[in-house]
């Protein structure tokens, strides 16, 4: 299994960010434009439904083989929401639902890549990891604000 990263789902803005990241990733993996749109749409809809549980959710993004062929794996973790798997089954080749020890719902999806001969290159993996790991503008602003507060406190202690 090749781990590409985790997309945190906290609010509506992060759902849009997740949709854009899945759209970019699936395009890079050579899915056709209809599949790219469907995968991005279903992923964002699943995230929206998971967010209604009030839990912070996330999507682990991976590449893995099933039956000798690579596919895209999305592992959703959230509070219980039985409607999510039904939506995901409309576009993914395989959907497995389980419960975690802390009472959350874990949904593992698998979608075969369009090229049965696909082998991930180091360049592709590095590029996708970087794209998935990019922070949203709101996350960057929050980190800057926290750093500014820490700097102000350090300056006050020096005075």
N, C-alpha and C. Protein backbone atom coordinates (compact mmCIF):
# COMPACT_ATOMS: atom_id res chain seq x y z
N UNK A 1 0.84 -1.17 0.00
CA UNK A 1 0.00 0.00 0.00
C UNK A 1 0.89 1.24 0.00
N UNK A 2 0.56 2.20 -0.83
CA UNK A 2 1.31 3.45 -0.92
C UNK A 2 0.45 4.57 -0.35
N UNK A 3 0.88 5.10 0.77
CA UNK A 3 0.15 6.19 1.45
C UNK A 3 0.46 7.50 0.75
N UNK A 4 -0.59 8.23 0.36
CA UNK A 4 -0.40 9.53 -0.28
C UNK A 4 -0.68 10.69 0.67
N UNK A 5 -1.47 10.47 1.70
CA UNK A 5 -1.75 11.54 2.65
C UNK A 5 -3.14 11.44 3.22
N UNK A 6 -3.44 12.40 4.08
CA UNK A 6 -4.75 12.47 4.73
C UNK A 6 -5.34 13.84 4.49
N UNK A 7 -6.61 13.86 4.17
CA UNK A 7 -7.35 15.11 3.98
C UNK A 7 -8.28 15.25 5.18
N UNK A 8 -8.11 16.30 5.94
CA UNK A 8 -8.95 16.55 7.11
C UNK A 8 -10.24 17.23 6.69
N UNK A 9 -11.35 16.78 7.27
CA UNK A 9 -12.66 17.35 6.97
C UNK A 9 -13.21 17.95 8.26
N UNK A 10 -13.28 19.31 8.29
CA UNK A 10 -13.73 20.00 9.49
C UNK A 10 -14.94 20.89 9.24
N UNK A 11 -15.06 21.37 8.00
CA UNK A 11 -16.11 22.33 7.69
C UNK A 11 -16.35 22.33 6.18
N UNK A 12 -17.24 23.20 5.73
CA UNK A 12 -17.59 23.26 4.31
C UNK A 12 -16.40 23.59 3.42
N UNK A 13 -15.53 24.48 3.90
CA UNK A 13 -14.35 24.84 3.10
C UNK A 13 -13.43 23.65 2.90
N UNK A 14 -13.29 22.82 3.93
CA UNK A 14 -12.42 21.64 3.79
C UNK A 14 -13.04 20.59 2.87
N UNK A 15 -14.35 20.56 2.77
CA UNK A 15 -15.01 19.65 1.83
C UNK A 15 -14.70 20.08 0.40
N UNK A 16 -14.75 21.37 0.14
CA UNK A 16 -14.41 21.89 -1.19
C UNK A 16 -12.95 21.57 -1.51
N UNK A 17 -12.08 21.76 -0.53
CA UNK A 17 -10.66 21.44 -0.70
C UNK A 17 -10.47 19.96 -1.01
N UNK A 18 -11.19 19.09 -0.30
CA UNK A 18 -11.10 17.64 -0.53
C UNK A 18 -11.57 17.31 -1.94
N UNK A 19 -12.67 17.91 -2.35
CA UNK A 19 -13.19 17.68 -3.71
C UNK A 19 -12.14 18.07 -4.75
N UNK A 20 -11.51 19.22 -4.58
CA UNK A 20 -10.50 19.68 -5.53
C UNK A 20 -9.28 18.76 -5.54
N UNK A 21 -8.88 18.28 -4.38
CA UNK A 21 -7.73 17.38 -4.31
C UNK A 21 -8.04 16.04 -4.98
N UNK A 22 -9.23 15.51 -4.76
CA UNK A 22 -9.61 14.25 -5.40
C UNK A 22 -9.73 14.45 -6.91
N UNK A 23 -10.25 15.58 -7.33
CA UNK A 23 -10.35 15.89 -8.76
C UNK A 23 -8.96 15.91 -9.40
N UNK A 24 -8.01 16.58 -8.76
CA UNK A 24 -6.65 16.66 -9.28
C UNK A 24 -6.00 15.28 -9.30
N UNK A 25 -6.12 14.55 -8.20
CA UNK A 25 -5.52 13.22 -8.10
C UNK A 25 -6.06 12.28 -9.17
N UNK A 26 -7.37 12.21 -9.30
CA UNK A 26 -7.95 11.27 -10.27
C UNK A 26 -7.62 11.67 -11.70
N UNK A 27 -7.50 12.96 -11.95
CA UNK A 27 -7.05 13.41 -13.27
C UNK A 27 -5.62 12.97 -13.53
N UNK A 28 -4.76 13.13 -12.53
CA UNK A 28 -3.36 12.71 -12.66
C UNK A 28 -3.24 11.19 -12.85
N UNK A 29 -4.19 10.45 -12.29
CA UNK A 29 -4.18 8.99 -12.43
C UNK A 29 -4.85 8.53 -13.72
N UNK A 30 -5.17 9.47 -14.59
CA UNK A 30 -5.67 9.21 -15.95
C UNK A 30 -7.10 8.66 -16.03
N UNK A 31 -7.92 8.99 -15.01
CA UNK A 31 -9.34 8.68 -15.13
C UNK A 31 -9.92 9.61 -16.18
N UNK A 32 -10.96 9.17 -16.90
CA UNK A 32 -11.60 10.04 -17.88
C UNK A 32 -12.36 11.15 -17.15
N UNK A 33 -12.72 12.20 -17.86
CA UNK A 33 -13.31 13.38 -17.23
C UNK A 33 -14.62 13.09 -16.51
N UNK A 34 -15.41 12.17 -17.03
CA UNK A 34 -16.67 11.82 -16.36
C UNK A 34 -16.38 11.12 -15.03
N UNK A 35 -15.44 10.19 -15.04
CA UNK A 35 -15.07 9.50 -13.79
C UNK A 35 -14.46 10.47 -12.78
N UNK A 36 -13.64 11.40 -13.25
CA UNK A 36 -13.04 12.41 -12.36
C UNK A 36 -14.14 13.18 -11.66
N UNK A 37 -15.12 13.64 -12.42
CA UNK A 37 -16.24 14.41 -11.85
C UNK A 37 -17.05 13.56 -10.88
N UNK A 38 -17.36 12.33 -11.25
CA UNK A 38 -18.14 11.46 -10.38
C UNK A 38 -17.40 11.16 -9.07
N UNK A 39 -16.13 10.81 -9.17
CA UNK A 39 -15.36 10.49 -7.96
C UNK A 39 -15.25 11.70 -7.03
N UNK A 40 -14.99 12.87 -7.60
CA UNK A 40 -14.89 14.09 -6.79
C UNK A 40 -16.23 14.44 -6.16
N UNK A 41 -17.30 14.32 -6.93
CA UNK A 41 -18.64 14.66 -6.43
C UNK A 41 -19.09 13.71 -5.33
N UNK A 42 -18.92 12.42 -5.54
CA UNK A 42 -19.35 11.44 -4.54
C UNK A 42 -18.50 11.57 -3.27
N UNK A 43 -17.22 11.83 -3.43
CA UNK A 43 -16.36 12.01 -2.26
C UNK A 43 -16.80 13.23 -1.45
N UNK A 44 -17.06 14.35 -2.14
CA UNK A 44 -17.48 15.54 -1.39
C UNK A 44 -18.86 15.35 -0.76
N UNK A 45 -19.74 14.63 -1.42
CA UNK A 45 -21.06 14.35 -0.85
C UNK A 45 -20.94 13.46 0.38
N UNK A 46 -20.07 12.46 0.31
CA UNK A 46 -19.85 11.59 1.47
C UNK A 46 -19.28 12.41 2.63
N UNK A 47 -18.34 13.31 2.33
CA UNK A 47 -17.76 14.17 3.37
C UNK A 47 -18.82 15.07 3.98
N UNK A 48 -19.69 15.63 3.14
CA UNK A 48 -20.75 16.49 3.65
C UNK A 48 -21.65 15.72 4.61
N UNK A 49 -22.01 14.50 4.24
CA UNK A 49 -22.87 13.69 5.11
C UNK A 49 -22.16 13.28 6.39
N UNK A 50 -20.86 12.99 6.28
CA UNK A 50 -20.12 12.62 7.49
C UNK A 50 -20.00 13.80 8.44
N UNK A 51 -19.85 14.97 7.89
CA UNK A 51 -19.69 16.17 8.72
C UNK A 51 -20.96 16.47 9.52
N UNK A 52 -22.12 16.03 9.04
CA UNK A 52 -23.37 16.28 9.76
C UNK A 52 -23.43 15.52 11.08
N UNK A 53 -22.52 14.55 11.28
CA UNK A 53 -22.51 13.81 12.54
C UNK A 53 -21.88 14.64 13.65
N UNK A 54 -21.26 15.76 13.30
CA UNK A 54 -20.64 16.62 14.29
C UNK A 54 -19.21 16.22 14.62
N UNK A 55 -18.73 15.13 14.05
CA UNK A 55 -17.38 14.65 14.30
C UNK A 55 -16.43 15.24 13.26
N UNK A 56 -15.20 15.49 13.66
CA UNK A 56 -14.17 15.83 12.68
C UNK A 56 -13.87 14.55 11.93
N UNK A 57 -13.83 14.64 10.62
CA UNK A 57 -13.64 13.46 9.79
C UNK A 57 -12.35 13.59 9.01
N UNK A 58 -12.01 12.54 8.32
CA UNK A 58 -10.83 12.58 7.48
C UNK A 58 -10.87 11.51 6.42
N UNK A 59 -10.02 11.71 5.40
CA UNK A 59 -9.90 10.73 4.32
C UNK A 59 -8.42 10.40 4.16
N UNK A 60 -8.07 9.15 4.39
CA UNK A 60 -6.71 8.70 4.06
C UNK A 60 -6.72 8.29 2.60
N UNK A 61 -5.74 8.78 1.85
CA UNK A 61 -5.67 8.54 0.42
C UNK A 61 -4.47 7.63 0.14
N UNK A 62 -4.73 6.53 -0.59
CA UNK A 62 -3.68 5.56 -0.85
C UNK A 62 -3.81 4.95 -2.24
N UNK A 63 -2.75 4.31 -2.67
CA UNK A 63 -2.79 3.46 -3.85
C UNK A 63 -2.50 2.05 -3.36
N UNK A 64 -3.23 1.07 -3.89
CA UNK A 64 -3.01 -0.31 -3.47
C UNK A 64 -3.40 -1.22 -4.62
N UNK A 65 -2.98 -2.47 -4.52
CA UNK A 65 -3.33 -3.46 -5.54
C UNK A 65 -4.45 -4.36 -5.03
N UNK A 66 -5.30 -4.72 -5.96
CA UNK A 66 -6.34 -5.70 -5.69
C UNK A 66 -6.43 -6.56 -6.95
N UNK A 67 -6.27 -7.85 -6.79
CA UNK A 67 -6.29 -8.73 -7.95
C UNK A 67 -5.19 -8.42 -8.95
N UNK A 68 -4.06 -7.93 -8.47
CA UNK A 68 -2.92 -7.65 -9.33
C UNK A 68 -2.96 -6.30 -10.03
N UNK A 69 -4.02 -5.53 -9.83
CA UNK A 69 -4.13 -4.20 -10.47
C UNK A 69 -4.17 -3.11 -9.40
N UNK A 70 -3.53 -1.98 -9.73
CA UNK A 70 -3.56 -0.85 -8.82
C UNK A 70 -4.92 -0.16 -8.85
N UNK A 71 -5.24 0.41 -7.70
CA UNK A 71 -6.46 1.19 -7.58
C UNK A 71 -6.28 2.29 -6.56
N UNK A 72 -7.22 3.21 -6.57
CA UNK A 72 -7.26 4.31 -5.62
C UNK A 72 -8.05 3.85 -4.40
N UNK A 73 -7.47 4.03 -3.22
CA UNK A 73 -8.12 3.67 -1.97
C UNK A 73 -8.38 4.95 -1.19
N UNK A 74 -9.63 5.14 -0.79
CA UNK A 74 -9.99 6.24 0.11
C UNK A 74 -10.54 5.60 1.37
N UNK A 75 -9.97 5.96 2.51
CA UNK A 75 -10.43 5.43 3.78
C UNK A 75 -11.05 6.58 4.56
N UNK A 76 -12.37 6.56 4.64
CA UNK A 76 -13.13 7.60 5.34
C UNK A 76 -13.30 7.17 6.80
N UNK A 77 -13.12 8.12 7.72
CA UNK A 77 -13.38 7.84 9.13
C UNK A 77 -14.25 8.96 9.67
N UNK A 78 -15.36 8.59 10.32
CA UNK A 78 -16.27 9.61 10.85
C UNK A 78 -17.19 8.98 11.87
N UNK A 79 -18.10 9.81 12.38
CA UNK A 79 -19.17 9.31 13.22
C UNK A 79 -20.11 8.44 12.39
N UNK A 80 -20.98 7.73 13.04
CA UNK A 80 -21.88 6.81 12.34
C UNK A 80 -22.82 7.56 11.39
N UNK A 81 -22.90 7.11 10.18
CA UNK A 81 -23.84 7.65 9.19
C UNK A 81 -24.07 6.58 8.14
N UNK A 82 -25.14 5.85 8.29
CA UNK A 82 -25.40 4.69 7.43
C UNK A 82 -25.66 5.05 5.97
N UNK A 83 -25.99 6.30 5.67
CA UNK A 83 -26.30 6.69 4.29
C UNK A 83 -25.05 6.82 3.43
N UNK A 84 -23.90 7.01 4.02
CA UNK A 84 -22.68 7.26 3.26
C UNK A 84 -22.30 6.09 2.35
N UNK A 85 -22.26 4.84 2.85
CA UNK A 85 -21.82 3.75 1.97
C UNK A 85 -22.65 3.59 0.70
N UNK A 86 -23.94 3.83 0.78
CA UNK A 86 -24.80 3.70 -0.39
C UNK A 86 -24.37 4.65 -1.51
N UNK A 87 -24.03 5.87 -1.16
CA UNK A 87 -23.57 6.86 -2.13
C UNK A 87 -22.24 6.41 -2.75
N UNK A 88 -21.33 5.93 -1.91
CA UNK A 88 -20.00 5.54 -2.38
C UNK A 88 -20.07 4.35 -3.32
N UNK A 89 -21.02 3.45 -3.10
CA UNK A 89 -21.15 2.26 -3.94
C UNK A 89 -21.55 2.60 -5.37
N UNK A 90 -22.01 3.83 -5.61
CA UNK A 90 -22.41 4.20 -6.97
C UNK A 90 -21.22 4.39 -7.91
N UNK A 91 -20.01 4.66 -7.37
CA UNK A 91 -18.85 4.88 -8.23
C UNK A 91 -17.63 4.03 -7.90
N UNK A 92 -17.51 3.54 -6.69
CA UNK A 92 -16.34 2.76 -6.33
C UNK A 92 -16.59 1.28 -6.62
N UNK A 93 -15.53 0.55 -6.94
CA UNK A 93 -15.64 -0.87 -7.26
C UNK A 93 -15.85 -1.72 -6.03
N UNK A 94 -15.36 -1.26 -4.89
CA UNK A 94 -15.48 -2.02 -3.65
C UNK A 94 -15.64 -1.04 -2.49
N UNK A 95 -16.56 -1.33 -1.58
CA UNK A 95 -16.79 -0.50 -0.39
C UNK A 95 -16.94 -1.43 0.81
N UNK A 96 -16.08 -1.22 1.82
CA UNK A 96 -16.14 -2.01 3.04
C UNK A 96 -16.40 -1.08 4.21
N UNK A 97 -17.37 -1.43 5.05
CA UNK A 97 -17.72 -0.61 6.21
C UNK A 97 -17.39 -1.40 7.48
N UNK A 98 -16.73 -0.74 8.42
CA UNK A 98 -16.46 -1.37 9.71
C UNK A 98 -16.50 -0.29 10.79
N UNK A 99 -16.51 -0.75 12.03
CA UNK A 99 -16.49 0.18 13.16
C UNK A 99 -15.13 0.12 13.82
N UNK A 100 -14.65 1.28 14.25
CA UNK A 100 -13.37 1.33 14.95
C UNK A 100 -13.61 1.12 16.44
N UNK A 101 -12.54 0.90 17.19
CA UNK A 101 -12.68 0.65 18.63
C UNK A 101 -13.25 1.85 19.37
N UNK A 102 -13.06 3.06 18.82
CA UNK A 102 -13.58 4.25 19.50
C UNK A 102 -14.97 4.64 19.02
N UNK A 103 -15.67 3.70 18.35
CA UNK A 103 -17.05 3.93 17.97
C UNK A 103 -17.27 4.69 16.68
N UNK A 104 -16.20 4.99 15.96
CA UNK A 104 -16.36 5.68 14.68
C UNK A 104 -16.60 4.67 13.56
N UNK A 105 -17.06 5.18 12.45
CA UNK A 105 -17.30 4.34 11.29
C UNK A 105 -16.10 4.49 10.34
N UNK A 106 -15.60 3.37 9.87
CA UNK A 106 -14.50 3.37 8.91
C UNK A 106 -15.03 2.80 7.59
N UNK A 107 -14.84 3.56 6.51
CA UNK A 107 -15.33 3.12 5.20
C UNK A 107 -14.14 3.10 4.25
N UNK A 108 -13.81 1.91 3.76
CA UNK A 108 -12.69 1.76 2.83
C UNK A 108 -13.27 1.56 1.43
N UNK A 109 -12.87 2.45 0.52
CA UNK A 109 -13.33 2.35 -0.86
C UNK A 109 -12.15 2.00 -1.75
N UNK A 110 -12.44 1.35 -2.86
CA UNK A 110 -11.42 0.97 -3.82
C UNK A 110 -11.96 1.20 -5.22
N UNK A 111 -11.16 1.88 -6.05
CA UNK A 111 -11.53 2.12 -7.45
C UNK A 111 -10.34 1.74 -8.32
N UNK A 112 -10.54 0.73 -9.19
CA UNK A 112 -9.47 0.33 -10.10
C UNK A 112 -9.07 1.49 -10.98
N UNK A 113 -7.76 1.63 -11.20
CA UNK A 113 -7.26 2.66 -12.10
C UNK A 113 -7.56 2.25 -13.54
N UNK A 114 -7.76 3.23 -14.42
CA UNK A 114 -8.13 2.91 -15.80
C UNK A 114 -7.06 2.13 -16.57
N UNK A 115 -5.79 2.32 -16.23
CA UNK A 115 -4.69 1.64 -16.91
C UNK A 115 -4.31 0.39 -16.12
N UNK A 116 -4.63 -0.82 -16.65
CA UNK A 116 -4.31 -2.05 -15.91
C UNK A 116 -2.80 -2.28 -15.76
N UNK A 117 -1.99 -1.60 -16.53
CA UNK A 117 -0.53 -1.74 -16.47
C UNK A 117 0.12 -0.67 -15.59
N UNK A 118 -0.67 0.16 -14.94
CA UNK A 118 -0.15 1.28 -14.15
C UNK A 118 0.82 0.79 -13.08
N UNK A 119 1.96 1.47 -12.99
CA UNK A 119 2.91 1.28 -11.90
C UNK A 119 3.31 2.69 -11.44
N UNK A 120 3.11 3.00 -10.17
CA UNK A 120 3.41 4.35 -9.70
C UNK A 120 4.90 4.66 -9.74
N UNK A 121 5.24 5.83 -10.23
CA UNK A 121 6.63 6.28 -10.22
C UNK A 121 6.87 7.10 -8.95
N UNK A 122 8.12 7.25 -8.59
CA UNK A 122 8.48 8.05 -7.42
C UNK A 122 8.02 9.49 -7.63
N UNK A 123 8.17 9.99 -8.87
CA UNK A 123 7.74 11.37 -9.18
C UNK A 123 6.25 11.56 -8.94
N UNK A 124 5.45 10.63 -9.43
CA UNK A 124 3.99 10.72 -9.27
C UNK A 124 3.63 10.69 -7.78
N UNK A 125 4.18 9.74 -7.05
CA UNK A 125 3.86 9.59 -5.62
C UNK A 125 4.26 10.86 -4.86
N UNK A 126 5.46 11.37 -5.12
CA UNK A 126 5.91 12.59 -4.44
C UNK A 126 5.01 13.78 -4.77
N UNK A 127 4.65 13.92 -6.05
CA UNK A 127 3.80 15.04 -6.48
C UNK A 127 2.42 14.97 -5.81
N UNK A 128 1.84 13.77 -5.77
CA UNK A 128 0.51 13.61 -5.18
C UNK A 128 0.55 13.81 -3.66
N UNK A 129 1.60 13.34 -3.02
CA UNK A 129 1.74 13.56 -1.58
C UNK A 129 1.82 15.05 -1.27
N UNK A 130 2.58 15.77 -2.07
CA UNK A 130 2.70 17.21 -1.86
C UNK A 130 1.35 17.90 -2.06
N UNK A 131 0.64 17.53 -3.12
CA UNK A 131 -0.66 18.15 -3.41
C UNK A 131 -1.66 17.86 -2.29
N UNK A 132 -1.72 16.62 -1.83
CA UNK A 132 -2.68 16.25 -0.78
C UNK A 132 -2.31 16.91 0.54
N UNK A 133 -1.02 17.09 0.79
CA UNK A 133 -0.56 17.68 2.04
C UNK A 133 -0.66 19.19 2.12
N UNK A 134 -0.97 19.83 0.98
CA UNK A 134 -1.05 21.30 1.00
C UNK A 134 -2.14 21.76 1.94
N UNK A 135 -1.81 22.78 2.72
CA UNK A 135 -2.77 23.35 3.66
C UNK A 135 -3.70 24.31 2.94
N UNK A 136 -4.90 24.44 3.46
CA UNK A 136 -5.83 25.43 2.93
C UNK A 136 -5.37 26.81 3.36
N UNK A 137 -5.89 27.82 2.75
CA UNK A 137 -5.57 29.20 3.12
C UNK A 137 -5.91 29.45 4.58
N UNK A 138 -7.07 28.95 5.03
CA UNK A 138 -7.47 29.15 6.42
C UNK A 138 -6.48 28.48 7.38
N UNK A 139 -5.98 27.28 7.03
CA UNK A 139 -5.02 26.59 7.88
C UNK A 139 -3.69 27.35 7.94
N UNK A 140 -3.27 27.90 6.80
CA UNK A 140 -2.04 28.69 6.77
C UNK A 140 -2.16 29.94 7.63
N UNK A 141 -3.30 30.64 7.50
CA UNK A 141 -3.53 31.85 8.29
C UNK A 141 -3.52 31.51 9.78
N UNK A 142 -4.15 30.40 10.16
CA UNK A 142 -4.19 30.00 11.57
C UNK A 142 -2.78 29.71 12.09
N UNK A 143 -1.97 29.01 11.29
CA UNK A 143 -0.59 28.72 11.70
C UNK A 143 0.21 30.01 11.87
N UNK A 144 0.02 30.96 10.95
CA UNK A 144 0.72 32.24 11.05
C UNK A 144 0.27 33.01 12.30
N UNK A 145 -1.03 33.00 12.58
CA UNK A 145 -1.53 33.69 13.77
C UNK A 145 -0.94 33.07 15.04
N UNK A 146 -0.88 31.74 15.09
CA UNK A 146 -0.31 31.05 16.25
C UNK A 146 1.17 31.39 16.42
N UNK A 147 1.90 31.40 15.31
CA UNK A 147 3.32 31.75 15.36
C UNK A 147 3.51 33.20 15.82
N UNK A 148 2.63 34.09 15.37
CA UNK A 148 2.70 35.50 15.76
C UNK A 148 2.44 35.66 17.26
N UNK A 149 1.46 34.94 17.77
CA UNK A 149 1.15 34.99 19.21
C UNK A 149 2.34 34.48 20.01
N UNK A 150 2.93 33.37 19.58
CA UNK A 150 4.10 32.82 20.28
C UNK A 150 5.26 33.80 20.26
N UNK A 151 5.47 34.47 19.15
CA UNK A 151 6.55 35.46 19.04
C UNK A 151 6.29 36.65 19.96
N UNK A 152 5.03 37.13 20.00
CA UNK A 152 4.69 38.24 20.88
C UNK A 152 4.92 37.87 22.35
N UNK A 153 4.55 36.64 22.74
CA UNK A 153 4.76 36.19 24.11
C UNK A 153 6.24 36.11 24.45
N UNK A 154 7.03 35.61 23.50
CA UNK A 154 8.49 35.52 23.72
C UNK A 154 9.08 36.91 23.87
N UNK A 155 8.62 37.87 23.07
CA UNK A 155 9.10 39.25 23.17
C UNK A 155 8.73 39.87 24.51
N UNK A 156 7.54 39.61 24.99
CA UNK A 156 7.10 40.14 26.28
C UNK A 156 7.98 39.60 27.41
N UNK A 157 8.35 38.35 27.32
CA UNK A 157 9.19 37.76 28.36
C UNK A 157 10.59 38.36 28.37
N UNK A 158 11.06 38.82 27.22
CA UNK A 158 12.39 39.43 27.13
C UNK A 158 12.41 40.84 27.67
N UNK A 159 11.28 41.50 27.72
CA UNK A 159 11.22 42.90 28.17
C UNK A 159 11.30 43.04 29.65
